[in-house]
N, C-alpha and C. Protein backbone atom coordinates (compact mmCIF):
# COMPACT_ATOMS: atom_id res chain seq x y z
N MET A 1 8.60 -3.16 2.01
CA MET A 1 7.68 -4.15 1.59
C MET A 1 8.27 -5.43 1.24
N ASN A 2 7.80 -6.59 1.86
CA ASN A 2 8.42 -7.80 1.54
C ASN A 2 7.79 -8.45 0.31
N ARG A 3 8.24 -9.65 -0.05
CA ARG A 3 7.84 -10.29 -1.28
C ARG A 3 6.39 -10.57 -1.30
N ARG A 4 5.85 -11.05 -0.15
CA ARG A 4 4.40 -11.40 -0.10
C ARG A 4 3.56 -10.13 -0.25
N ASP A 5 3.94 -9.02 0.37
CA ASP A 5 3.27 -7.77 0.22
C ASP A 5 3.26 -7.28 -1.26
N SER A 6 4.40 -7.43 -1.84
CA SER A 6 4.52 -6.97 -3.28
C SER A 6 3.62 -7.85 -4.17
N LEU A 7 3.59 -9.20 -3.94
CA LEU A 7 2.83 -10.03 -4.76
C LEU A 7 1.31 -9.88 -4.40
N ARG A 8 1.01 -9.52 -3.12
CA ARG A 8 -0.39 -9.29 -2.82
C ARG A 8 -0.98 -8.18 -3.69
N LEU A 9 -0.17 -7.12 -4.05
CA LEU A 9 -0.70 -6.08 -4.89
C LEU A 9 -0.94 -6.69 -6.33
N LEU A 10 -0.14 -7.62 -6.76
CA LEU A 10 -0.42 -8.28 -8.07
C LEU A 10 -1.69 -9.05 -7.96
N GLY A 11 -1.89 -9.70 -6.83
CA GLY A 11 -3.08 -10.56 -6.59
C GLY A 11 -4.30 -9.76 -6.58
N ILE A 12 -4.32 -8.60 -5.90
CA ILE A 12 -5.45 -7.68 -5.94
C ILE A 12 -5.81 -7.24 -7.34
N GLY A 13 -4.71 -7.03 -8.15
CA GLY A 13 -4.95 -6.67 -9.55
C GLY A 13 -5.65 -7.71 -10.28
N THR A 14 -5.30 -8.99 -10.07
CA THR A 14 -5.92 -10.08 -10.75
C THR A 14 -7.41 -10.22 -10.41
N LEU A 15 -7.72 -9.90 -9.20
CA LEU A 15 -9.11 -10.02 -8.69
C LEU A 15 -9.95 -8.94 -9.31
N SER A 16 -9.40 -7.80 -9.60
CA SER A 16 -10.16 -6.66 -10.07
C SER A 16 -10.02 -6.45 -11.57
N ALA A 17 -8.96 -6.84 -12.20
CA ALA A 17 -8.70 -6.48 -13.60
C ALA A 17 -8.38 -7.71 -14.39
N GLY A 18 -8.59 -8.93 -13.91
CA GLY A 18 -8.33 -10.02 -14.77
C GLY A 18 -6.88 -10.53 -14.73
N SER A 19 -6.47 -11.27 -15.74
CA SER A 19 -5.06 -11.85 -15.75
C SER A 19 -4.06 -10.78 -15.91
N LEU A 20 -2.87 -11.06 -15.36
CA LEU A 20 -1.75 -10.20 -15.57
C LEU A 20 -1.01 -10.49 -16.84
N LEU A 21 -1.22 -11.73 -17.32
CA LEU A 21 -0.53 -12.18 -18.58
C LEU A 21 -1.41 -11.85 -19.79
N GLU A 22 -0.79 -11.22 -20.69
CA GLU A 22 -1.52 -10.80 -21.92
C GLU A 22 -2.12 -12.05 -22.62
N GLY A 23 -3.38 -12.08 -22.82
CA GLY A 23 -4.05 -13.15 -23.54
C GLY A 23 -4.26 -14.37 -22.71
N CYS A 24 -4.04 -14.39 -21.37
CA CYS A 24 -4.17 -15.53 -20.56
C CYS A 24 -5.46 -15.34 -19.67
N GLN A 25 -6.52 -16.11 -19.98
CA GLN A 25 -7.78 -16.04 -19.22
C GLN A 25 -7.76 -17.13 -18.22
N THR A 26 -7.44 -16.82 -16.98
CA THR A 26 -7.33 -17.84 -15.98
C THR A 26 -8.65 -18.17 -15.31
N LYS A 27 -8.77 -19.39 -14.64
CA LYS A 27 -10.03 -19.64 -13.94
C LYS A 27 -10.05 -18.83 -12.66
N PRO A 28 -11.16 -18.40 -12.19
CA PRO A 28 -11.30 -17.44 -11.14
C PRO A 28 -10.83 -18.02 -9.74
N ALA A 29 -10.93 -19.25 -9.53
CA ALA A 29 -10.50 -19.87 -8.19
C ALA A 29 -9.88 -21.24 -8.31
N PRO A 30 -8.58 -21.23 -8.76
CA PRO A 30 -7.90 -22.55 -8.93
C PRO A 30 -7.95 -23.39 -7.73
N LEU A 31 -8.21 -24.69 -7.90
CA LEU A 31 -8.26 -25.61 -6.76
C LEU A 31 -6.85 -26.19 -6.45
N ALA A 32 -6.73 -26.75 -5.21
CA ALA A 32 -5.46 -27.25 -4.75
C ALA A 32 -4.96 -28.35 -5.63
N ASP A 33 -5.76 -29.10 -6.31
CA ASP A 33 -5.34 -30.30 -7.06
C ASP A 33 -5.93 -30.10 -8.39
N ALA A 34 -5.07 -30.16 -9.50
CA ALA A 34 -5.55 -30.06 -10.82
C ALA A 34 -6.66 -31.00 -11.17
N SER A 35 -6.63 -32.17 -10.59
CA SER A 35 -7.63 -33.20 -10.93
C SER A 35 -9.02 -32.77 -10.53
N GLN A 36 -9.04 -31.71 -9.58
CA GLN A 36 -10.40 -31.29 -9.15
C GLN A 36 -10.93 -30.11 -9.83
N VAL A 37 -10.23 -29.63 -10.94
CA VAL A 37 -10.58 -28.42 -11.56
C VAL A 37 -11.98 -28.53 -12.12
N ALA A 38 -12.27 -29.70 -12.67
CA ALA A 38 -13.60 -29.85 -13.27
C ALA A 38 -14.74 -29.83 -12.35
N ALA A 39 -14.49 -29.91 -10.98
CA ALA A 39 -15.56 -30.02 -10.01
C ALA A 39 -16.38 -28.77 -9.96
N ASP A 40 -15.78 -27.64 -10.40
CA ASP A 40 -16.51 -26.36 -10.40
C ASP A 40 -17.34 -26.28 -11.60
N THR A 41 -18.63 -26.65 -11.61
CA THR A 41 -19.44 -26.71 -12.78
C THR A 41 -20.51 -25.59 -12.87
N MET A 42 -20.52 -24.75 -11.90
CA MET A 42 -21.61 -23.70 -11.93
C MET A 42 -21.53 -22.83 -13.09
N GLY A 43 -22.52 -22.69 -13.87
CA GLY A 43 -22.53 -21.80 -15.00
C GLY A 43 -21.70 -22.24 -16.21
N ARG A 44 -21.21 -23.53 -16.18
CA ARG A 44 -20.41 -23.96 -17.23
C ARG A 44 -21.15 -24.80 -18.20
N GLN A 45 -20.82 -24.69 -19.49
CA GLN A 45 -21.45 -25.50 -20.55
C GLN A 45 -20.82 -26.98 -20.46
N GLU A 46 -21.63 -27.90 -20.97
CA GLU A 46 -21.20 -29.27 -20.88
C GLU A 46 -19.78 -29.52 -21.61
N PHE A 47 -19.65 -28.89 -22.75
CA PHE A 47 -18.37 -29.07 -23.47
C PHE A 47 -17.16 -28.42 -22.71
N GLU A 48 -17.48 -27.40 -21.88
CA GLU A 48 -16.36 -26.73 -21.12
C GLU A 48 -16.02 -27.70 -19.97
N ILE A 49 -17.02 -28.33 -19.32
CA ILE A 49 -16.75 -29.29 -18.25
C ILE A 49 -15.93 -30.42 -18.75
N ALA A 50 -16.35 -30.98 -19.93
CA ALA A 50 -15.68 -32.15 -20.55
C ALA A 50 -14.18 -31.70 -20.89
N ARG A 51 -14.03 -30.51 -21.38
CA ARG A 51 -12.65 -30.11 -21.66
C ARG A 51 -11.73 -29.92 -20.47
N ASP A 52 -12.32 -29.45 -19.41
CA ASP A 52 -11.57 -29.21 -18.16
C ASP A 52 -11.16 -30.59 -17.60
N LYS A 53 -12.10 -31.58 -17.67
CA LYS A 53 -11.78 -32.95 -17.24
C LYS A 53 -10.60 -33.52 -18.04
N GLU A 54 -10.68 -33.34 -19.37
CA GLU A 54 -9.58 -33.86 -20.23
C GLU A 54 -8.27 -33.20 -19.93
N LEU A 55 -8.30 -31.87 -19.69
CA LEU A 55 -7.07 -31.18 -19.40
C LEU A 55 -6.46 -31.56 -18.06
N ALA A 56 -7.39 -31.73 -17.09
CA ALA A 56 -6.98 -32.17 -15.72
C ALA A 56 -6.30 -33.51 -15.75
N ALA A 57 -6.81 -34.41 -16.63
CA ALA A 57 -6.36 -35.77 -16.61
C ALA A 57 -4.98 -35.92 -17.35
N ALA A 58 -4.69 -34.95 -18.16
CA ALA A 58 -3.48 -34.99 -18.98
C ALA A 58 -2.27 -34.41 -18.22
N HIS A 59 -1.07 -34.69 -18.65
CA HIS A 59 0.08 -34.18 -18.04
C HIS A 59 1.01 -33.54 -19.12
N PHE A 60 1.47 -32.40 -18.83
CA PHE A 60 2.40 -31.66 -19.81
C PHE A 60 3.90 -31.80 -19.19
N PHE A 61 4.07 -31.32 -17.97
CA PHE A 61 5.38 -31.25 -17.35
C PHE A 61 5.78 -32.73 -16.88
N ASP A 62 7.02 -33.09 -17.00
CA ASP A 62 7.46 -34.36 -16.32
C ASP A 62 7.77 -34.09 -14.85
N ALA A 63 8.13 -35.12 -14.15
CA ALA A 63 8.28 -35.10 -12.71
C ALA A 63 9.46 -34.09 -12.37
N HIS A 64 10.56 -34.12 -13.11
CA HIS A 64 11.62 -33.18 -12.86
C HIS A 64 11.11 -31.71 -13.02
N GLU A 65 10.39 -31.40 -14.05
CA GLU A 65 9.97 -30.10 -14.36
C GLU A 65 8.94 -29.52 -13.27
N MET A 66 8.06 -30.51 -12.80
CA MET A 66 7.12 -30.09 -11.77
C MET A 66 7.91 -29.83 -10.48
N ALA A 67 8.92 -30.63 -10.18
CA ALA A 67 9.68 -30.46 -8.94
C ALA A 67 10.39 -29.07 -9.01
N THR A 68 10.87 -28.74 -10.15
CA THR A 68 11.57 -27.48 -10.38
C THR A 68 10.53 -26.28 -10.19
N ILE A 69 9.43 -26.40 -10.78
CA ILE A 69 8.35 -25.38 -10.62
C ILE A 69 7.96 -25.23 -9.21
N THR A 70 7.83 -26.26 -8.46
CA THR A 70 7.46 -26.31 -7.10
C THR A 70 8.54 -25.44 -6.25
N LEU A 71 9.84 -25.73 -6.46
CA LEU A 71 10.90 -25.06 -5.79
C LEU A 71 10.83 -23.58 -6.10
N ILE A 72 10.70 -23.19 -7.40
CA ILE A 72 10.61 -21.77 -7.73
C ILE A 72 9.48 -21.04 -7.15
N ALA A 73 8.21 -21.72 -7.23
CA ALA A 73 7.07 -21.10 -6.72
C ALA A 73 7.12 -20.83 -5.21
N ASP A 74 7.79 -21.68 -4.46
CA ASP A 74 7.94 -21.49 -3.00
C ASP A 74 9.01 -20.50 -2.71
N LEU A 75 9.96 -20.36 -3.60
CA LEU A 75 10.99 -19.21 -3.42
C LEU A 75 10.29 -17.90 -3.69
N ILE A 76 9.37 -17.89 -4.64
CA ILE A 76 8.70 -16.65 -4.90
C ILE A 76 7.69 -16.29 -3.77
N LEU A 77 6.98 -17.29 -3.33
CA LEU A 77 5.94 -16.99 -2.29
C LEU A 77 6.04 -18.14 -1.25
N PRO A 78 7.02 -17.90 -0.28
CA PRO A 78 7.23 -18.92 0.74
C PRO A 78 6.09 -18.85 1.86
N ARG A 79 6.05 -19.88 2.62
CA ARG A 79 5.19 -19.93 3.78
C ARG A 79 5.59 -18.81 4.74
N ASP A 80 4.58 -18.16 5.34
CA ASP A 80 4.90 -17.23 6.44
C ASP A 80 3.96 -17.43 7.52
N ALA A 81 4.03 -16.51 8.50
CA ALA A 81 3.19 -16.74 9.75
C ALA A 81 1.70 -16.55 9.50
N LYS A 82 1.36 -15.97 8.39
CA LYS A 82 -0.07 -15.66 8.13
C LYS A 82 -0.68 -16.74 7.30
N SER A 83 0.01 -17.33 6.29
CA SER A 83 -0.60 -18.32 5.46
C SER A 83 0.48 -19.17 4.85
N GLY A 84 0.03 -20.23 4.06
CA GLY A 84 0.99 -21.25 3.53
C GLY A 84 1.68 -20.62 2.30
N SER A 85 2.53 -21.56 1.78
CA SER A 85 3.32 -21.19 0.60
C SER A 85 2.57 -21.35 -0.68
N ALA A 86 3.21 -21.05 -1.83
CA ALA A 86 2.57 -21.23 -3.04
C ALA A 86 2.14 -22.72 -3.30
N THR A 87 3.02 -23.63 -2.89
CA THR A 87 2.69 -25.04 -3.03
C THR A 87 1.55 -25.45 -2.15
N ASP A 88 1.45 -24.89 -0.94
CA ASP A 88 0.27 -25.19 -0.13
C ASP A 88 -1.01 -24.80 -0.69
N ALA A 89 -0.98 -23.72 -1.55
CA ALA A 89 -2.18 -23.23 -2.23
C ALA A 89 -2.47 -23.89 -3.56
N GLY A 90 -1.59 -24.88 -3.92
CA GLY A 90 -1.79 -25.63 -5.14
C GLY A 90 -1.32 -24.95 -6.42
N VAL A 91 -0.30 -23.97 -6.26
CA VAL A 91 0.09 -23.27 -7.35
C VAL A 91 0.80 -24.08 -8.49
N PRO A 92 1.61 -25.08 -8.12
CA PRO A 92 2.20 -25.92 -9.23
C PRO A 92 1.20 -26.60 -10.11
N ALA A 93 0.18 -27.13 -9.49
CA ALA A 93 -0.93 -27.79 -10.26
C ALA A 93 -1.71 -26.72 -11.16
N PHE A 94 -1.87 -25.53 -10.55
CA PHE A 94 -2.51 -24.44 -11.33
C PHE A 94 -1.65 -24.05 -12.56
N ILE A 95 -0.38 -23.96 -12.35
CA ILE A 95 0.57 -23.63 -13.52
C ILE A 95 0.42 -24.66 -14.57
N GLU A 96 0.50 -25.99 -14.22
CA GLU A 96 0.40 -26.99 -15.25
C GLU A 96 -0.95 -26.93 -15.99
N PHE A 97 -2.00 -26.68 -15.24
CA PHE A 97 -3.34 -26.57 -15.88
C PHE A 97 -3.36 -25.40 -16.88
N ILE A 98 -2.76 -24.34 -16.52
CA ILE A 98 -2.81 -23.09 -17.38
C ILE A 98 -2.04 -23.43 -18.66
N VAL A 99 -0.83 -23.97 -18.51
CA VAL A 99 -0.08 -24.19 -19.76
C VAL A 99 -0.79 -25.29 -20.72
N LYS A 100 -1.58 -26.12 -20.15
CA LYS A 100 -2.36 -27.00 -20.99
C LYS A 100 -3.63 -26.32 -21.55
N ASP A 101 -4.21 -25.42 -20.76
CA ASP A 101 -5.32 -24.56 -21.19
C ASP A 101 -4.97 -23.58 -22.20
N GLU A 102 -3.73 -23.00 -22.11
CA GLU A 102 -3.20 -21.95 -22.97
C GLU A 102 -1.88 -22.41 -23.52
N PRO A 103 -1.83 -23.23 -24.53
CA PRO A 103 -0.59 -23.80 -25.08
C PRO A 103 0.49 -22.81 -25.46
N ILE A 104 0.14 -21.56 -25.63
CA ILE A 104 1.10 -20.46 -25.93
C ILE A 104 2.19 -20.42 -24.87
N HIS A 105 1.93 -20.88 -23.67
CA HIS A 105 2.88 -20.76 -22.57
C HIS A 105 3.79 -22.00 -22.51
N GLN A 106 3.51 -23.06 -23.30
CA GLN A 106 4.25 -24.30 -23.09
C GLN A 106 5.74 -24.19 -23.48
N LEU A 107 5.98 -23.59 -24.64
CA LEU A 107 7.38 -23.55 -25.05
C LEU A 107 8.21 -22.52 -24.17
N PRO A 108 7.65 -21.32 -23.86
CA PRO A 108 8.52 -20.51 -22.96
C PRO A 108 8.78 -21.11 -21.56
N MET A 109 7.77 -21.84 -21.05
CA MET A 109 7.95 -22.42 -19.76
C MET A 109 8.91 -23.56 -19.73
N ARG A 110 8.75 -24.50 -20.72
CA ARG A 110 9.61 -25.64 -20.83
C ARG A 110 11.05 -25.18 -21.15
N GLY A 111 11.13 -24.25 -22.10
CA GLY A 111 12.41 -23.67 -22.44
C GLY A 111 13.12 -23.00 -21.28
N GLY A 112 12.36 -22.30 -20.40
CA GLY A 112 12.87 -21.56 -19.30
C GLY A 112 13.35 -22.54 -18.25
N LEU A 113 12.66 -23.59 -18.02
CA LEU A 113 13.08 -24.63 -17.03
C LEU A 113 14.41 -25.22 -17.50
N ARG A 114 14.50 -25.55 -18.85
CA ARG A 114 15.72 -26.10 -19.34
C ARG A 114 16.91 -25.11 -19.18
N TRP A 115 16.60 -23.85 -19.50
CA TRP A 115 17.58 -22.77 -19.37
C TRP A 115 18.17 -22.74 -17.95
N LEU A 116 17.26 -22.84 -17.01
CA LEU A 116 17.74 -22.79 -15.57
C LEU A 116 18.68 -23.94 -15.32
N ASP A 117 18.36 -25.14 -15.77
CA ASP A 117 19.15 -26.30 -15.52
C ASP A 117 20.55 -26.15 -16.09
N ILE A 118 20.50 -25.68 -17.39
CA ILE A 118 21.83 -25.47 -18.10
C ILE A 118 22.70 -24.44 -17.41
N GLN A 119 22.08 -23.36 -16.96
CA GLN A 119 22.87 -22.35 -16.13
C GLN A 119 23.45 -22.90 -14.92
N CYS A 120 22.66 -23.72 -14.18
CA CYS A 120 23.17 -24.32 -12.96
C CYS A 120 24.28 -25.39 -13.27
N LEU A 121 24.05 -26.19 -14.29
CA LEU A 121 25.07 -27.15 -14.66
C LEU A 121 26.42 -26.52 -15.03
N ASN A 122 26.45 -25.41 -15.74
CA ASN A 122 27.54 -24.70 -16.14
C ASN A 122 28.23 -24.08 -15.01
N ARG A 123 27.42 -23.54 -14.07
CA ARG A 123 28.01 -22.78 -12.94
C ARG A 123 28.37 -23.70 -11.69
N PHE A 124 27.47 -24.62 -11.39
CA PHE A 124 27.60 -25.33 -10.12
C PHE A 124 27.88 -26.87 -10.34
N GLY A 125 27.74 -27.35 -11.58
CA GLY A 125 27.96 -28.70 -11.82
C GLY A 125 26.73 -29.54 -11.56
N LYS A 126 25.62 -28.95 -11.18
CA LYS A 126 24.38 -29.71 -10.87
C LYS A 126 23.18 -28.90 -11.51
N ASP A 127 22.04 -29.59 -11.71
CA ASP A 127 20.86 -28.93 -12.21
C ASP A 127 20.26 -28.02 -11.09
N PHE A 128 19.17 -27.35 -11.42
CA PHE A 128 18.62 -26.43 -10.43
C PHE A 128 18.25 -27.10 -9.12
N ILE A 129 17.58 -28.25 -9.25
CA ILE A 129 17.13 -28.97 -8.14
C ILE A 129 18.39 -29.49 -7.28
N GLY A 130 19.38 -29.93 -7.94
CA GLY A 130 20.58 -30.38 -7.22
C GLY A 130 21.49 -29.29 -6.63
N SER A 131 21.27 -28.04 -7.06
CA SER A 131 22.07 -26.99 -6.55
C SER A 131 21.65 -26.63 -5.14
N THR A 132 22.49 -25.97 -4.40
CA THR A 132 22.23 -25.56 -3.00
C THR A 132 21.16 -24.47 -2.97
N PRO A 133 20.40 -24.25 -1.91
CA PRO A 133 19.45 -23.19 -1.84
C PRO A 133 20.10 -21.80 -2.11
N ASP A 134 21.30 -21.55 -1.65
CA ASP A 134 21.94 -20.33 -1.93
C ASP A 134 22.32 -20.21 -3.41
N GLN A 135 22.74 -21.21 -3.97
CA GLN A 135 22.97 -21.12 -5.48
C GLN A 135 21.76 -20.85 -6.24
N ARG A 136 20.71 -21.45 -5.89
CA ARG A 136 19.42 -21.21 -6.60
C ARG A 136 19.01 -19.73 -6.50
N VAL A 137 19.17 -19.19 -5.26
CA VAL A 137 18.76 -17.79 -5.05
C VAL A 137 19.70 -16.88 -5.86
N VAL A 138 20.93 -17.14 -5.86
CA VAL A 138 21.90 -16.36 -6.64
C VAL A 138 21.43 -16.24 -8.10
N LEU A 139 21.10 -17.33 -8.72
CA LEU A 139 20.74 -17.45 -10.13
C LEU A 139 19.38 -16.66 -10.30
N LEU A 140 18.38 -16.93 -9.49
CA LEU A 140 17.10 -16.25 -9.63
C LEU A 140 17.21 -14.78 -9.45
N ASN A 141 18.07 -14.29 -8.54
CA ASN A 141 18.23 -12.86 -8.35
C ASN A 141 18.75 -12.16 -9.59
N GLU A 142 19.51 -12.91 -10.48
CA GLU A 142 19.97 -12.36 -11.70
C GLU A 142 19.02 -12.25 -12.78
N ILE A 143 17.85 -12.89 -12.59
CA ILE A 143 16.82 -12.75 -13.65
C ILE A 143 15.50 -12.19 -13.07
N ALA A 144 15.51 -11.88 -11.79
CA ALA A 144 14.15 -11.43 -11.17
C ALA A 144 14.06 -9.91 -11.45
N TYR A 145 15.04 -9.22 -11.79
CA TYR A 145 14.98 -7.76 -11.88
C TYR A 145 15.44 -7.33 -13.31
N PRO A 146 14.47 -7.24 -14.25
CA PRO A 146 14.81 -6.98 -15.70
C PRO A 146 15.76 -5.87 -15.94
N MET A 147 15.63 -4.77 -15.24
CA MET A 147 16.44 -3.62 -15.51
C MET A 147 17.93 -3.92 -14.99
N LYS A 148 18.09 -4.81 -14.18
CA LYS A 148 19.48 -5.11 -13.67
C LYS A 148 20.06 -6.31 -14.30
N ALA A 149 19.36 -7.02 -15.09
CA ALA A 149 19.87 -8.32 -15.71
C ALA A 149 20.97 -8.06 -16.71
N ARG A 150 21.96 -8.92 -16.68
CA ARG A 150 23.11 -8.80 -17.66
C ARG A 150 22.69 -9.18 -19.06
N PRO A 151 23.44 -8.64 -20.06
CA PRO A 151 23.16 -9.16 -21.39
C PRO A 151 23.25 -10.71 -21.51
N GLY A 152 22.51 -11.29 -22.28
CA GLY A 152 22.57 -12.84 -22.35
C GLY A 152 21.67 -13.53 -21.44
N MET A 153 21.01 -12.75 -20.53
CA MET A 153 20.09 -13.36 -19.50
C MET A 153 18.65 -13.18 -19.85
N GLN A 154 18.36 -12.70 -21.05
CA GLN A 154 17.07 -12.29 -21.39
C GLN A 154 16.03 -13.46 -21.36
N GLN A 155 16.44 -14.62 -21.83
CA GLN A 155 15.58 -15.74 -21.81
C GLN A 155 15.14 -16.11 -20.39
N GLY A 156 16.09 -16.00 -19.50
CA GLY A 156 15.82 -16.24 -18.04
C GLY A 156 14.87 -15.18 -17.47
N VAL A 157 15.07 -13.99 -17.90
CA VAL A 157 14.28 -12.87 -17.31
C VAL A 157 12.74 -13.11 -17.89
N VAL A 158 12.60 -13.37 -19.10
CA VAL A 158 11.18 -13.68 -19.67
C VAL A 158 10.60 -14.78 -18.92
N PHE A 159 11.32 -15.87 -18.69
CA PHE A 159 10.82 -17.02 -17.99
C PHE A 159 10.46 -16.66 -16.59
N PHE A 160 11.29 -16.02 -15.93
CA PHE A 160 10.97 -15.72 -14.47
C PHE A 160 9.80 -14.76 -14.38
N ASN A 161 9.66 -13.78 -15.29
CA ASN A 161 8.50 -12.91 -15.21
C ASN A 161 7.21 -13.70 -15.38
N LYS A 162 7.28 -14.60 -16.31
CA LYS A 162 6.09 -15.53 -16.58
C LYS A 162 5.70 -16.39 -15.33
N ILE A 163 6.69 -17.06 -14.77
CA ILE A 163 6.35 -17.91 -13.62
C ILE A 163 6.04 -17.12 -12.39
N ARG A 164 6.61 -16.01 -12.22
CA ARG A 164 6.30 -15.16 -11.08
C ARG A 164 4.77 -14.66 -11.21
N ASP A 165 4.39 -14.19 -12.47
CA ASP A 165 3.01 -13.81 -12.64
C ASP A 165 2.04 -14.92 -12.43
N LEU A 166 2.36 -16.16 -12.96
CA LEU A 166 1.49 -17.30 -12.82
C LEU A 166 1.38 -17.70 -11.27
N THR A 167 2.53 -17.56 -10.59
CA THR A 167 2.44 -17.89 -9.13
C THR A 167 1.59 -16.89 -8.38
N ALA A 168 1.73 -15.64 -8.72
CA ALA A 168 0.86 -14.66 -8.04
C ALA A 168 -0.60 -14.83 -8.37
N ILE A 169 -0.91 -15.07 -9.61
CA ILE A 169 -2.33 -15.32 -10.00
C ILE A 169 -2.83 -16.61 -9.34
N GLY A 170 -2.05 -17.68 -9.41
CA GLY A 170 -2.51 -18.88 -8.85
C GLY A 170 -2.68 -18.84 -7.28
N PHE A 171 -1.84 -18.10 -6.59
CA PHE A 171 -1.92 -18.00 -5.16
C PHE A 171 -3.12 -17.11 -4.76
N PHE A 172 -3.12 -15.90 -5.33
CA PHE A 172 -4.10 -14.93 -4.84
C PHE A 172 -5.52 -15.11 -5.48
N THR A 173 -5.70 -16.11 -6.24
CA THR A 173 -7.08 -16.46 -6.63
C THR A 173 -7.50 -17.82 -6.09
N SER A 174 -6.61 -18.40 -5.23
CA SER A 174 -7.00 -19.61 -4.51
C SER A 174 -7.69 -19.26 -3.18
N LYS A 175 -8.30 -20.22 -2.61
CA LYS A 175 -9.01 -20.06 -1.34
C LYS A 175 -8.03 -19.41 -0.29
N MET A 176 -6.84 -20.07 -0.23
CA MET A 176 -5.81 -19.57 0.77
C MET A 176 -5.42 -18.13 0.46
N GLY A 177 -5.19 -17.78 -0.83
CA GLY A 177 -4.79 -16.52 -1.18
C GLY A 177 -5.83 -15.44 -0.93
N ILE A 178 -7.05 -15.77 -1.20
CA ILE A 178 -8.12 -14.85 -0.98
C ILE A 178 -8.29 -14.56 0.54
N GLU A 179 -8.08 -15.58 1.36
CA GLU A 179 -8.10 -15.41 2.84
C GLU A 179 -6.94 -14.53 3.29
N ASP A 180 -5.77 -14.74 2.58
CA ASP A 180 -4.56 -14.02 2.85
C ASP A 180 -4.79 -12.53 2.59
N LEU A 181 -5.57 -12.22 1.49
CA LEU A 181 -5.87 -10.85 1.19
C LEU A 181 -6.89 -10.18 2.13
N GLY A 182 -7.71 -11.10 2.81
CA GLY A 182 -8.74 -10.54 3.62
C GLY A 182 -9.92 -10.17 2.77
N TYR A 183 -10.02 -10.73 1.57
CA TYR A 183 -11.12 -10.29 0.61
C TYR A 183 -12.42 -11.00 1.01
N LYS A 184 -13.49 -10.24 1.30
CA LYS A 184 -14.73 -10.82 1.68
C LYS A 184 -15.81 -10.88 0.65
N GLY A 185 -15.47 -10.32 -0.51
CA GLY A 185 -16.51 -10.35 -1.52
C GLY A 185 -17.55 -9.19 -1.33
N ASN A 186 -18.66 -9.28 -2.09
CA ASN A 186 -19.74 -8.33 -1.93
C ASN A 186 -20.60 -8.75 -0.86
N SER A 187 -20.43 -8.13 0.32
CA SER A 187 -21.23 -8.46 1.55
C SER A 187 -22.37 -7.42 1.69
N PRO A 188 -23.56 -7.88 1.87
CA PRO A 188 -24.73 -6.92 2.12
C PRO A 188 -24.50 -6.00 3.24
N GLY A 189 -24.83 -4.80 3.14
CA GLY A 189 -24.74 -3.78 4.26
C GLY A 189 -25.68 -4.02 5.34
N LYS A 190 -25.37 -3.60 6.55
CA LYS A 190 -26.18 -3.77 7.68
C LYS A 190 -26.43 -2.31 8.32
N TRP A 191 -27.65 -1.84 8.25
CA TRP A 191 -27.94 -0.49 8.72
C TRP A 191 -28.15 -0.55 10.30
N GLU A 192 -27.32 0.20 10.97
CA GLU A 192 -27.38 0.24 12.42
C GLU A 192 -27.77 1.60 13.02
N GLY A 193 -28.38 2.37 12.08
CA GLY A 193 -28.91 3.71 12.49
C GLY A 193 -27.78 4.76 12.34
N VAL A 194 -28.11 6.03 12.53
CA VAL A 194 -27.19 7.10 12.45
C VAL A 194 -26.25 7.04 13.66
N PRO A 195 -24.91 7.17 13.45
CA PRO A 195 -23.86 7.04 14.44
C PRO A 195 -24.20 8.11 15.62
N PRO A 196 -23.98 7.79 16.78
CA PRO A 196 -24.30 8.60 17.89
C PRO A 196 -23.55 10.03 17.84
N GLU A 197 -22.34 10.07 17.30
CA GLU A 197 -21.59 11.34 17.23
C GLU A 197 -22.25 12.27 16.18
N VAL A 198 -22.85 11.72 15.16
CA VAL A 198 -23.55 12.53 14.18
C VAL A 198 -24.85 13.13 14.78
N LEU A 199 -25.55 12.27 15.56
CA LEU A 199 -26.77 12.76 16.17
C LEU A 199 -26.45 13.93 17.17
N LYS A 200 -25.36 13.70 17.85
CA LYS A 200 -24.93 14.74 18.89
C LYS A 200 -24.61 15.99 18.20
N GLN A 201 -23.90 15.93 17.01
CA GLN A 201 -23.53 17.11 16.23
C GLN A 201 -24.64 18.00 15.93
N TYR A 202 -25.78 17.31 15.58
CA TYR A 202 -27.00 18.08 15.22
C TYR A 202 -28.00 18.25 16.30
N GLY A 203 -27.63 17.90 17.56
CA GLY A 203 -28.46 18.13 18.62
C GLY A 203 -29.67 17.16 18.74
N LEU A 204 -29.52 16.05 18.08
CA LEU A 204 -30.59 15.04 18.00
C LEU A 204 -30.38 13.80 18.82
N GLU A 205 -29.40 13.81 19.75
CA GLU A 205 -29.04 12.65 20.53
C GLU A 205 -30.19 12.15 21.38
N ASN A 206 -31.14 13.10 21.79
CA ASN A 206 -32.21 12.71 22.66
C ASN A 206 -33.54 12.47 21.90
N VAL A 207 -33.51 12.55 20.59
CA VAL A 207 -34.76 12.43 19.84
C VAL A 207 -35.16 10.96 19.71
């Protein structure tokens, strides 16, 4: 099972059971651009629409942090032959919207991004963005598997779990992600009569 298949299972879970993150109530279908979040007004109260507009207009992460989130999200869910990457689905904008909507995630996310940069500076002499693709993967592999993580890497493990969950939620609740899942929603059934093989079984094929 590849990474996209594994994350697809997480995505199916978000569609059927809500958010994977405790206490995080995500929007059902994040848009590709955070500035468009307020466009979905169906069934929303006026104060909710106004709040979404305010959140979409604000910025929490700086340019360096957003660039780092973009790199990580695309490493977690890269583009493949079937569909685009996490970034193509607007996941970085979704993640920023969520941390503004749910401030409880702000400190862990910002702290985790800083932790990544410090680790890379200490090991490779450059921050995460400046490190080579292989160096980035080496570090992420050390925090992607909690049971295998070395002592002292716990902050990185917690951060990576959070950004991986947000990436899965953001992708598989986006238009692109739902198409990737092949999810059709509740479609009305179409009655086409009793199947011929059933009629034949009961000797009714000529009735």
